[in-house]
Amino acid sequence: MDIFRVSFIGHRVVDEYRQVEEELDEVIELLHRKYGFIDYNVGRNGEFDDPATQAVRRFRREWEEWCELTLVEPYPVANLDIIEKSYDSVIIPTDRKCHYKAAIGERNKWLAENCDMMIVYIKRDYGGAYKCYKYAQELGVPIMNIAVGFSNLFFALIMLVKKPSIRIIGGFNLCYIIP
């Protein structure tokens, strides 16, 4: 079975928390319809990580056998044995030897390099989440930025295209689809 991998990345502060939760719920449902089993990779360092994690957990209540929730930590943390009980697996990319202050950025690169798609919450053009977003663009990773209010119909149409390639042009909200 091919496993579709999705990574979440976003700014430390989420302005429209309820709207973000609703968008994440809908996106996760659409991805399930398109790809079946999905491995969701998430961090624990910003506010966006919480609604992303909770959206996957809400989905799992009904479809537990159709997804995994993987925590990707930048470095070993206290109480990891307790934290890991809330996830299917925990990854600490060990090949990223660096100072702990740079470890989050290296973990974010790992998230971009090890996914088939990224769901992001990016509203400004600076910070660690933005750097990861730009890096994922350079890698050619399909990206959905829920901070710009993509309409659900637009995203549903993208997901119906066989193996879509999504490219972000210029700003955050202009896209085209290559079927």
Foldseek 3Di string as FASTA:
>chain_A
DDEAEEEEFEAQDDDCLVLLLVVLLLVVVLCCVQPFAYEYEAEDRGPSRVSNLVSVVVVCVPVVVRYFYEYEYLDDDPPVVVVQVSGPYYHHPPVDDDDPVCSVLVSLCVNLVPGQEYEYADDDCDDSRNVSVVSSLVVQRHYHHCNVPDDSVVVSVQSVPPSWRWHDPDDDPDIDIDD
